[in-house]
């Protein structure tokens, strides 16, 4: 099997990334639709028009997972962003020329996307713990909800590695362009 071009391992990986990308968009759409329904259901209840929500929907809205949904949407958006940038890098690899300036920018954007995802992860734990505490929801099984901070060194190392690779790509691209001008 070839490693570059059409019918290569890179094109197979690109197809896999395409599938993941479109699945992520579908999940984002579904989660966003749920948020819209929650908002409109809440507004109609506050204003007193419309029928009462069915019991099953009211039970779903009382679950703690509803609190996490906006944060999950933001995290899914960050993951979708990273997958999209990986798709773009794979497209240049399939074309046979991965050492282009755009890939340096894509790697830098991936590093920022991973960092944003990690910050959302930290924020989500704090916000959910705070909301559960403020809303007085009992925690099942006698467990306590204690906001704690745990640093994911692997993810932050990946951010650092992506930033270094972005600079290597940028410098390699500059040197390649310089070489093309040399006779």
N, C-alpha and C. Protein backbone atom coordinates (compact mmCIF):
# COMPACT_ATOMS: atom_id res chain seq x y z
N UNK A 1 0.85 -1.18 0.00
CA UNK A 1 0.00 0.00 0.00
C UNK A 1 0.89 1.24 0.00
N UNK A 2 0.52 2.19 -0.84
CA UNK A 2 1.27 3.45 -0.92
C UNK A 2 1.08 4.25 0.37
N UNK A 3 2.03 5.13 0.64
CA UNK A 3 1.89 5.98 1.81
C UNK A 3 1.38 7.37 1.46
N UNK A 4 1.55 7.77 0.20
CA UNK A 4 1.08 9.09 -0.24
C UNK A 4 0.23 8.96 -1.48
N UNK A 5 -0.60 9.97 -1.73
CA UNK A 5 -1.41 10.03 -2.93
C UNK A 5 -2.73 9.29 -2.79
N UNK A 6 -3.44 9.21 -3.94
CA UNK A 6 -4.74 8.53 -3.96
C UNK A 6 -4.54 7.03 -3.70
N UNK A 7 -5.45 6.43 -2.95
CA UNK A 7 -5.37 5.01 -2.64
C UNK A 7 -4.30 4.67 -1.62
N UNK A 8 -3.84 5.63 -0.88
CA UNK A 8 -2.77 5.41 0.09
C UNK A 8 -3.33 5.30 1.50
N UNK A 9 -2.44 5.03 2.42
CA UNK A 9 -2.81 4.99 3.83
C UNK A 9 -3.33 6.36 4.27
N UNK A 10 -2.71 7.41 3.76
CA UNK A 10 -3.15 8.77 4.10
C UNK A 10 -4.58 9.01 3.64
N UNK A 11 -4.94 8.52 2.45
CA UNK A 11 -6.30 8.73 1.98
C UNK A 11 -7.30 7.92 2.80
N UNK A 12 -6.89 6.75 3.27
CA UNK A 12 -7.75 5.95 4.16
C UNK A 12 -7.98 6.68 5.48
N UNK A 13 -6.90 7.26 6.03
CA UNK A 13 -7.04 8.03 7.27
C UNK A 13 -7.90 9.27 7.06
N UNK A 14 -7.79 9.88 5.89
CA UNK A 14 -8.62 11.05 5.58
C UNK A 14 -10.09 10.67 5.54
N UNK A 15 -10.41 9.52 4.97
CA UNK A 15 -11.80 9.05 4.93
C UNK A 15 -12.30 8.82 6.36
N UNK A 16 -11.48 8.22 7.19
CA UNK A 16 -11.86 8.00 8.59
C UNK A 16 -12.10 9.32 9.31
N UNK A 17 -11.22 10.29 9.08
CA UNK A 17 -11.40 11.62 9.68
C UNK A 17 -12.67 12.30 9.16
N UNK A 18 -12.97 12.11 7.88
CA UNK A 18 -14.20 12.67 7.32
C UNK A 18 -15.43 12.09 8.01
N UNK A 19 -15.43 10.77 8.23
CA UNK A 19 -16.57 10.12 8.90
C UNK A 19 -16.72 10.66 10.31
N UNK A 20 -15.61 10.75 11.04
CA UNK A 20 -15.66 11.28 12.42
C UNK A 20 -16.14 12.72 12.41
N UNK A 21 -15.67 13.51 11.46
CA UNK A 21 -16.04 14.92 11.36
C UNK A 21 -17.55 15.08 11.19
N UNK A 22 -18.12 14.32 10.25
CA UNK A 22 -19.56 14.45 10.01
C UNK A 22 -20.39 13.88 11.15
N UNK A 23 -19.89 12.85 11.81
CA UNK A 23 -20.59 12.33 12.99
C UNK A 23 -20.58 13.36 14.12
N UNK A 24 -19.45 14.04 14.30
CA UNK A 24 -19.37 15.08 15.32
C UNK A 24 -20.36 16.21 15.02
N UNK A 25 -20.49 16.58 13.75
CA UNK A 25 -21.46 17.62 13.38
C UNK A 25 -22.88 17.16 13.68
N UNK A 26 -23.16 15.88 13.44
CA UNK A 26 -24.51 15.36 13.72
C UNK A 26 -24.80 15.40 15.22
N UNK A 27 -23.82 15.02 16.03
CA UNK A 27 -24.00 15.06 17.48
C UNK A 27 -24.14 16.50 17.96
N UNK A 28 -23.35 17.40 17.39
CA UNK A 28 -23.47 18.82 17.74
C UNK A 28 -24.85 19.36 17.39
N UNK A 29 -25.36 18.97 16.23
CA UNK A 29 -26.69 19.41 15.83
C UNK A 29 -27.77 18.89 16.77
N UNK A 30 -27.68 17.63 17.13
CA UNK A 30 -28.65 17.03 18.04
C UNK A 30 -28.60 17.70 19.42
N UNK A 31 -27.41 17.90 19.94
CA UNK A 31 -27.27 18.54 21.25
C UNK A 31 -27.77 19.98 21.21
N UNK A 32 -27.51 20.67 20.12
CA UNK A 32 -28.00 22.05 19.99
C UNK A 32 -29.52 22.09 19.90
N UNK A 33 -30.09 21.13 19.20
CA UNK A 33 -31.55 21.04 19.11
C UNK A 33 -32.16 20.81 20.49
N UNK A 34 -31.53 19.96 21.29
CA UNK A 34 -32.01 19.71 22.64
C UNK A 34 -31.96 21.00 23.47
N UNK A 35 -30.87 21.77 23.34
CA UNK A 35 -30.75 23.04 24.06
C UNK A 35 -31.86 24.00 23.63
N UNK A 36 -32.13 24.08 22.33
CA UNK A 36 -33.19 24.97 21.84
C UNK A 36 -34.54 24.54 22.41
N UNK A 37 -34.82 23.25 22.41
CA UNK A 37 -36.08 22.76 22.97
C UNK A 37 -36.19 23.05 24.46
N UNK A 38 -35.09 22.93 25.18
CA UNK A 38 -35.09 23.24 26.61
C UNK A 38 -35.40 24.72 26.83
N UNK A 39 -34.75 25.57 26.05
CA UNK A 39 -34.97 27.01 26.21
C UNK A 39 -36.41 27.38 25.88
N UNK A 40 -36.93 26.90 24.75
CA UNK A 40 -38.31 27.24 24.39
C UNK A 40 -39.31 26.63 25.35
N UNK A 41 -39.02 25.42 25.86
CA UNK A 41 -39.90 24.81 26.86
C UNK A 41 -39.93 25.62 28.14
N UNK A 42 -38.77 26.11 28.55
CA UNK A 42 -38.70 26.93 29.75
C UNK A 42 -39.37 28.27 29.59
N UNK A 43 -39.20 28.89 28.42
CA UNK A 43 -39.85 30.18 28.17
C UNK A 43 -41.36 30.02 28.15
N UNK A 44 -41.85 28.98 27.49
CA UNK A 44 -43.31 28.79 27.43
C UNK A 44 -43.89 28.51 28.81
N UNK A 45 -43.15 27.81 29.65
CA UNK A 45 -43.63 27.56 31.01
C UNK A 45 -43.63 28.85 31.83
N UNK A 46 -42.60 29.67 31.66
CA UNK A 46 -42.53 30.93 32.40
C UNK A 46 -43.65 31.89 31.99
N UNK A 47 -43.94 31.94 30.70
CA UNK A 47 -44.97 32.86 30.20
C UNK A 47 -46.38 32.29 30.36
N UNK A 48 -46.47 31.00 30.65
CA UNK A 48 -47.77 30.39 30.92
C UNK A 48 -48.58 30.03 29.70
N UNK A 49 -47.97 29.99 28.54
CA UNK A 49 -48.74 29.55 27.38
C UNK A 49 -48.22 28.19 26.93
N UNK A 50 -49.00 27.51 26.19
CA UNK A 50 -48.64 26.17 25.74
C UNK A 50 -49.05 25.14 26.77
N UNK A 51 -49.00 23.91 26.36
CA UNK A 51 -49.42 22.84 27.27
C UNK A 51 -48.29 22.47 28.20
N UNK A 52 -48.64 21.78 29.26
CA UNK A 52 -47.66 21.30 30.23
C UNK A 52 -46.79 20.24 29.55
N UNK A 53 -45.51 20.25 29.87
CA UNK A 53 -44.60 19.28 29.28
C UNK A 53 -44.93 17.88 29.79
N UNK A 54 -44.74 16.88 28.96
CA UNK A 54 -44.98 15.51 29.43
C UNK A 54 -44.03 15.15 30.57
N UNK A 55 -44.44 14.21 31.39
CA UNK A 55 -43.68 13.81 32.58
C UNK A 55 -42.28 13.33 32.21
N UNK A 56 -42.15 12.56 31.15
CA UNK A 56 -40.83 12.03 30.78
C UNK A 56 -39.86 13.17 30.42
N UNK A 57 -40.36 14.21 29.75
CA UNK A 57 -39.50 15.34 29.41
C UNK A 57 -39.15 16.13 30.67
N UNK A 58 -40.11 16.32 31.56
CA UNK A 58 -39.81 17.03 32.81
C UNK A 58 -38.78 16.27 33.63
N UNK A 59 -38.84 14.95 33.64
CA UNK A 59 -37.85 14.16 34.38
C UNK A 59 -36.48 14.29 33.74
N UNK A 60 -36.44 14.32 32.41
CA UNK A 60 -35.16 14.51 31.72
C UNK A 60 -34.55 15.86 32.05
N UNK A 61 -35.38 16.90 32.08
CA UNK A 61 -34.88 18.25 32.36
C UNK A 61 -34.41 18.39 33.80
N UNK A 62 -34.89 17.54 34.69
CA UNK A 62 -34.47 17.59 36.08
C UNK A 62 -33.13 16.88 36.30
N UNK A 63 -32.64 16.18 35.30
CA UNK A 63 -31.38 15.46 35.44
C UNK A 63 -30.19 16.42 35.39
N UNK A 64 -29.12 16.04 36.05
CA UNK A 64 -27.93 16.87 36.09
C UNK A 64 -27.23 16.95 34.73
N UNK A 65 -27.49 15.97 33.87
CA UNK A 65 -26.85 15.97 32.56
C UNK A 65 -27.24 17.19 31.73
N UNK A 66 -28.42 17.73 32.00
CA UNK A 66 -28.87 18.93 31.28
C UNK A 66 -27.96 20.11 31.60
N UNK A 67 -27.45 20.16 32.84
CA UNK A 67 -26.53 21.23 33.21
C UNK A 67 -25.24 21.14 32.41
N UNK A 68 -24.83 19.92 32.09
CA UNK A 68 -23.56 19.72 31.40
C UNK A 68 -23.67 19.89 29.89
N UNK A 69 -24.88 19.93 29.36
CA UNK A 69 -25.05 19.95 27.92
C UNK A 69 -24.40 21.16 27.22
N UNK A 70 -24.56 22.38 27.71
CA UNK A 70 -23.87 23.50 27.03
C UNK A 70 -22.35 23.36 27.05
N UNK A 71 -21.82 22.85 28.15
CA UNK A 71 -20.37 22.65 28.23
C UNK A 71 -19.94 21.52 27.30
N UNK A 72 -20.77 20.49 27.18
CA UNK A 72 -20.46 19.40 26.27
C UNK A 72 -20.48 19.87 24.82
N UNK A 73 -21.40 20.76 24.50
CA UNK A 73 -21.46 21.32 23.14
C UNK A 73 -20.17 22.09 22.84
N UNK A 74 -19.71 22.88 23.79
CA UNK A 74 -18.47 23.63 23.58
C UNK A 74 -17.28 22.69 23.41
N UNK A 75 -17.23 21.62 24.21
CA UNK A 75 -16.14 20.66 24.08
C UNK A 75 -16.22 19.93 22.74
N UNK A 76 -17.42 19.56 22.32
CA UNK A 76 -17.58 18.91 21.02
C UNK A 76 -17.17 19.85 19.88
N UNK A 77 -17.46 21.12 20.03
CA UNK A 77 -17.05 22.09 19.01
C UNK A 77 -15.53 22.15 18.92
N UNK A 78 -14.84 22.11 20.07
CA UNK A 78 -13.38 22.12 20.07
C UNK A 78 -12.83 20.86 19.40
N UNK A 79 -13.41 19.70 19.70
CA UNK A 79 -12.96 18.45 19.08
C UNK A 79 -13.23 18.48 17.58
N UNK A 80 -14.38 19.00 17.17
CA UNK A 80 -14.71 19.10 15.75
C UNK A 80 -13.72 20.01 15.03
N UNK A 81 -13.33 21.09 15.67
CA UNK A 81 -12.34 22.01 15.12
C UNK A 81 -11.01 21.30 14.89
N UNK A 82 -10.56 20.53 15.88
CA UNK A 82 -9.29 19.80 15.77
C UNK A 82 -9.37 18.77 14.65
N UNK A 83 -10.46 18.02 14.58
CA UNK A 83 -10.62 17.01 13.53
C UNK A 83 -10.63 17.67 12.16
N UNK A 84 -11.28 18.83 12.03
CA UNK A 84 -11.30 19.53 10.75
C UNK A 84 -9.89 19.93 10.32
N UNK A 85 -9.11 20.43 11.25
CA UNK A 85 -7.73 20.83 10.91
C UNK A 85 -6.90 19.61 10.53
N UNK A 86 -7.12 18.47 11.19
CA UNK A 86 -6.41 17.24 10.81
C UNK A 86 -6.81 16.81 9.40
N UNK A 87 -8.08 16.97 9.06
CA UNK A 87 -8.55 16.64 7.70
C UNK A 87 -7.83 17.50 6.67
N UNK A 88 -7.65 18.76 6.99
CA UNK A 88 -6.98 19.67 6.04
C UNK A 88 -5.51 19.28 5.86
N UNK A 89 -4.87 18.89 6.95
CA UNK A 89 -3.47 18.45 6.85
C UNK A 89 -3.40 17.18 6.00
N UNK A 90 -4.32 16.25 6.22
CA UNK A 90 -4.32 15.00 5.45
C UNK A 90 -4.56 15.27 3.97
N UNK A 91 -5.35 16.27 3.65
CA UNK A 91 -5.61 16.61 2.25
C UNK A 91 -4.31 17.04 1.55
N UNK A 92 -3.47 17.80 2.24
CA UNK A 92 -2.19 18.19 1.63
C UNK A 92 -1.25 17.00 1.53
N UNK A 93 -1.34 16.08 2.48
CA UNK A 93 -0.52 14.88 2.43
C UNK A 93 -0.93 14.00 1.24
N UNK A 94 -2.22 13.86 1.01
CA UNK A 94 -2.71 13.08 -0.13
C UNK A 94 -2.28 13.73 -1.44
N UNK A 95 -2.31 15.06 -1.47
CA UNK A 95 -1.89 15.78 -2.68
C UNK A 95 -0.38 15.64 -2.92
N UNK A 96 0.36 15.14 -1.93
CA UNK A 96 1.79 14.91 -2.11
C UNK A 96 2.68 16.04 -1.67
N UNK A 97 2.12 17.08 -1.06
CA UNK A 97 2.93 18.22 -0.63
C UNK A 97 2.50 18.68 0.76
N UNK A 98 2.91 17.95 1.81
CA UNK A 98 2.48 18.33 3.15
C UNK A 98 3.26 19.51 3.75
N UNK A 99 4.41 19.85 3.17
CA UNK A 99 5.22 20.91 3.74
C UNK A 99 4.86 22.25 3.13
N UNK A 100 3.68 22.73 3.53
CA UNK A 100 3.18 24.03 3.09
C UNK A 100 2.89 24.88 4.32
N UNK A 101 2.86 26.17 4.11
CA UNK A 101 2.65 27.11 5.22
C UNK A 101 1.33 26.86 5.95
N UNK A 102 0.30 26.46 5.22
CA UNK A 102 -1.01 26.23 5.85
C UNK A 102 -0.95 25.17 6.93
N UNK A 103 -0.11 24.13 6.72
CA UNK A 103 -0.03 23.07 7.73
C UNK A 103 0.59 23.56 9.02
N UNK A 104 1.50 24.50 8.91
CA UNK A 104 2.05 25.11 10.12
C UNK A 104 0.94 25.82 10.90
N UNK A 105 0.09 26.53 10.17
CA UNK A 105 -1.03 27.21 10.81
C UNK A 105 -2.03 26.20 11.37
N UNK A 106 -2.25 25.10 10.65
CA UNK A 106 -3.17 24.07 11.13
C UNK A 106 -2.65 23.43 12.42
N UNK A 107 -1.35 23.16 12.48
CA UNK A 107 -0.79 22.56 13.70
C UNK A 107 -0.91 23.52 14.88
N UNK A 108 -0.66 24.79 14.63
CA UNK A 108 -0.81 25.79 15.69
C UNK A 108 -2.27 25.86 16.15
N UNK A 109 -3.19 25.82 15.21
CA UNK A 109 -4.61 25.84 15.56
C UNK A 109 -5.03 24.59 16.33
N UNK A 110 -4.46 23.44 15.96
CA UNK A 110 -4.75 22.21 16.70
C UNK A 110 -4.28 22.34 18.14
N UNK A 111 -3.09 22.90 18.33
CA UNK A 111 -2.57 23.11 19.69
C UNK A 111 -3.51 24.01 20.49
N UNK A 112 -3.98 25.06 19.88
CA UNK A 112 -4.91 25.97 20.56
C UNK A 112 -6.23 25.26 20.82
N UNK A 113 -6.70 24.45 19.88
CA UNK A 113 -7.94 23.71 20.08
C UNK A 113 -7.85 22.73 21.24
N UNK A 114 -6.72 22.03 21.35
CA UNK A 114 -6.54 21.10 22.48
C UNK A 114 -6.48 21.88 23.79
N UNK A 115 -5.80 23.02 23.79
CA UNK A 115 -5.73 23.83 25.01
C UNK A 115 -7.12 24.33 25.42
N UNK A 116 -7.91 24.79 24.45
CA UNK A 116 -9.28 25.24 24.74
C UNK A 116 -10.11 24.09 25.30
N UNK A 117 -9.96 22.91 24.69
CA UNK A 117 -10.68 21.73 25.18
C UNK A 117 -10.32 21.44 26.64
N UNK A 118 -9.05 21.52 26.97
CA UNK A 118 -8.63 21.26 28.34
C UNK A 118 -9.17 22.31 29.31
N UNK A 119 -9.15 23.57 28.89
CA UNK A 119 -9.69 24.63 29.74
C UNK A 119 -11.20 24.45 29.94
N UNK A 120 -11.90 24.03 28.89
CA UNK A 120 -13.33 23.74 29.03
C UNK A 120 -13.56 22.58 29.99
N UNK A 121 -12.69 21.60 29.93
CA UNK A 121 -12.79 20.44 30.82
C UNK A 121 -12.65 20.88 32.28
N UNK A 122 -11.65 21.73 32.54
CA UNK A 122 -11.46 22.22 33.90
C UNK A 122 -12.66 23.06 34.35
N UNK A 123 -13.11 23.94 33.47
CA UNK A 123 -14.25 24.79 33.79
C UNK A 123 -15.52 23.99 34.02
N UNK A 124 -15.71 22.95 33.23
CA UNK A 124 -16.92 22.13 33.35
C UNK A 124 -16.99 21.46 34.71
N UNK A 125 -15.88 20.94 35.19
CA UNK A 125 -15.89 20.30 36.50
C UNK A 125 -16.25 21.30 37.60
N UNK A 126 -15.67 22.48 37.52
CA UNK A 126 -15.97 23.49 38.53
C UNK A 126 -17.41 23.97 38.46
N UNK A 127 -17.90 24.25 37.26
CA UNK A 127 -19.27 24.75 37.10
C UNK A 127 -20.29 23.70 37.52
N UNK A 128 -20.08 22.46 37.11
CA UNK A 128 -21.03 21.40 37.48
C UNK A 128 -21.06 21.18 38.99
N UNK A 129 -19.90 21.17 39.62
CA UNK A 129 -19.86 21.01 41.07
C UNK A 129 -20.58 22.17 41.75
N UNK A 130 -20.36 23.38 41.25
CA UNK A 130 -21.00 24.55 41.83
C UNK A 130 -22.51 24.50 41.63
N UNK A 131 -22.96 24.15 40.42
CA UNK A 131 -24.39 24.11 40.14
C UNK A 131 -25.09 23.02 40.96
N UNK A 132 -24.48 21.86 41.08
CA UNK A 132 -25.08 20.79 41.86
C UNK A 132 -25.19 21.22 43.32
N UNK A 133 -24.16 21.90 43.81
CA UNK A 133 -24.19 22.36 45.20
C UNK A 133 -25.24 23.46 45.39
N UNK A 134 -25.28 24.43 44.47
CA UNK A 134 -26.22 25.53 44.61
C UNK A 134 -27.67 25.09 44.45
N UNK A 135 -27.91 24.13 43.58
CA UNK A 135 -29.27 23.65 43.37
C UNK A 135 -29.69 22.65 44.44
N UNK A 136 -28.76 22.28 45.32
CA UNK A 136 -29.09 21.39 46.43
C UNK A 136 -29.48 20.00 46.00
N UNK A 137 -28.95 19.56 44.89
CA UNK A 137 -29.28 18.21 44.45
C UNK A 137 -28.51 17.20 45.31
N UNK A 138 -29.21 16.20 45.81
CA UNK A 138 -28.51 15.19 46.60
C UNK A 138 -27.62 14.34 45.70
N UNK A 139 -26.49 13.97 46.23
CA UNK A 139 -25.57 13.11 45.50
C UNK A 139 -25.84 11.68 45.94
N UNK A 140 -26.05 10.80 44.99
CA UNK A 140 -26.45 9.45 45.30
C UNK A 140 -25.29 8.64 45.86
N UNK A 141 -25.60 7.66 46.69
CA UNK A 141 -24.62 6.74 47.23
C UNK A 141 -23.75 7.35 48.32
N UNK A 142 -24.09 8.49 48.83
CA UNK A 142 -23.31 9.10 49.91
C UNK A 142 -22.02 9.74 49.44
N UNK A 143 -21.79 9.77 48.14
CA UNK A 143 -20.57 10.41 47.63
C UNK A 143 -20.70 11.92 47.73
N UNK A 144 -19.56 12.57 47.81
CA UNK A 144 -19.57 14.02 47.88
C UNK A 144 -19.07 14.58 46.56
N UNK A 145 -19.62 15.72 46.19
CA UNK A 145 -19.13 16.42 45.02
C UNK A 145 -18.18 17.50 45.51
N UNK A 146 -16.90 17.27 45.24
CA UNK A 146 -15.88 18.20 45.68
C UNK A 146 -15.14 18.69 44.45
N UNK A 147 -15.18 20.01 44.21
CA UNK A 147 -14.43 20.49 43.06
C UNK A 147 -12.94 20.30 43.30
N UNK A 148 -12.31 19.59 42.41
CA UNK A 148 -10.88 19.39 42.54
C UNK A 148 -10.23 19.62 41.19
N UNK A 149 -9.00 20.00 41.24
CA UNK A 149 -8.27 20.32 40.03
C UNK A 149 -7.25 19.22 39.78
N UNK A 150 -7.28 18.64 38.59
CA UNK A 150 -6.27 17.65 38.21
C UNK A 150 -5.72 18.05 36.85
N UNK A 151 -4.45 18.19 36.80
CA UNK A 151 -3.77 18.64 35.59
C UNK A 151 -3.47 17.44 34.70
N UNK A 152 -3.93 17.49 33.45
CA UNK A 152 -3.67 16.43 32.49
C UNK A 152 -2.37 16.77 31.76
N UNK A 153 -1.27 16.24 32.27
CA UNK A 153 0.03 16.57 31.70
C UNK A 153 0.18 16.08 30.27
N UNK A 154 -0.44 14.95 29.95
CA UNK A 154 -0.35 14.42 28.58
C UNK A 154 -0.95 15.38 27.57
N UNK A 155 -2.10 15.94 27.89
CA UNK A 155 -2.75 16.88 26.97
C UNK A 155 -1.92 18.15 26.82
N UNK A 156 -1.38 18.65 27.91
CA UNK A 156 -0.58 19.88 27.83
C UNK A 156 0.75 19.62 27.14
N UNK A 157 1.28 18.40 27.27
CA UNK A 157 2.48 18.03 26.51
C UNK A 157 2.15 17.99 25.02
N UNK A 158 0.96 17.49 24.67
CA UNK A 158 0.53 17.47 23.27
C UNK A 158 0.42 18.89 22.71
N UNK A 159 -0.09 19.81 23.51
CA UNK A 159 -0.17 21.22 23.09
C UNK A 159 1.22 21.75 22.80
N UNK A 160 2.15 21.50 23.72
CA UNK A 160 3.52 21.96 23.54
C UNK A 160 4.16 21.31 22.31
N UNK A 161 3.95 20.01 22.13
CA UNK A 161 4.52 19.30 20.98
C UNK A 161 3.96 19.85 19.67
N UNK A 162 2.66 20.15 19.63
CA UNK A 162 2.05 20.69 18.42
C UNK A 162 2.61 22.08 18.10
N UNK A 163 2.83 22.88 19.13
CA UNK A 163 3.41 24.21 18.90
C UNK A 163 4.83 24.10 18.36
N UNK A 164 5.62 23.15 18.89
CA UNK A 164 6.98 22.94 18.40
C UNK A 164 6.94 22.45 16.95
N UNK A 165 6.06 21.47 16.66
CA UNK A 165 5.94 20.97 15.29
C UNK A 165 5.48 22.06 14.32
N UNK A 166 4.60 22.94 14.78
CA UNK A 166 4.16 24.05 13.93
C UNK A 166 5.33 24.94 13.56
N UNK A 167 6.20 25.21 14.53
CA UNK A 167 7.37 26.05 14.23
C UNK A 167 8.35 25.33 13.32
N UNK A 168 8.49 24.02 13.50
CA UNK A 168 9.37 23.24 12.62
C UNK A 168 8.81 23.27 11.19
N UNK A 169 7.50 23.09 11.04
CA UNK A 169 6.88 23.16 9.71
C UNK A 169 7.05 24.55 9.11
N UNK A 170 6.86 25.58 9.92
CA UNK A 170 6.99 26.94 9.41
C UNK A 170 8.40 27.20 8.91
N UNK A 171 9.39 26.81 9.71
CA UNK A 171 10.78 27.04 9.32
C UNK A 171 11.16 26.16 8.13
N UNK A 172 10.70 24.90 8.12
CA UNK A 172 10.99 24.01 6.99
C UNK A 172 10.39 24.53 5.70
N UNK A 173 9.19 25.07 5.78
CA UNK A 173 8.54 25.64 4.61
C UNK A 173 9.31 26.85 4.10
N UNK A 174 9.76 27.69 5.04
CA UNK A 174 10.54 28.87 4.65
C UNK A 174 11.83 28.46 3.97
N UNK A 175 12.52 27.45 4.53
CA UNK A 175 13.78 26.99 3.94
C UNK A 175 13.54 26.36 2.57
N UNK A 176 12.44 25.65 2.41
CA UNK A 176 12.11 25.03 1.13
C UNK A 176 11.85 26.09 0.06
N UNK A 177 11.11 27.13 0.43
CA UNK A 177 10.84 28.22 -0.52
C UNK A 177 12.13 28.94 -0.91
N UNK A 178 13.01 29.09 0.08
CA UNK A 178 14.30 29.72 -0.19
C UNK A 178 15.13 28.88 -1.15
N UNK A 179 15.08 27.54 -0.95
CA UNK A 179 15.82 26.64 -1.81
C UNK A 179 15.30 26.65 -3.24
N UNK A 180 13.99 26.81 -3.40
CA UNK A 180 13.39 26.86 -4.75
C UNK A 180 13.90 28.07 -5.53
N UNK A 181 14.23 29.14 -4.80
CA UNK A 181 14.72 30.35 -5.45
C UNK A 181 16.21 30.26 -5.80
N UNK A 182 16.91 29.31 -5.18
CA UNK A 182 18.34 29.13 -5.43
C UNK A 182 18.54 28.38 -6.74
N UNK A 183 19.50 28.83 -7.49
CA UNK A 183 19.78 28.19 -8.79
C UNK A 183 20.76 27.07 -8.60
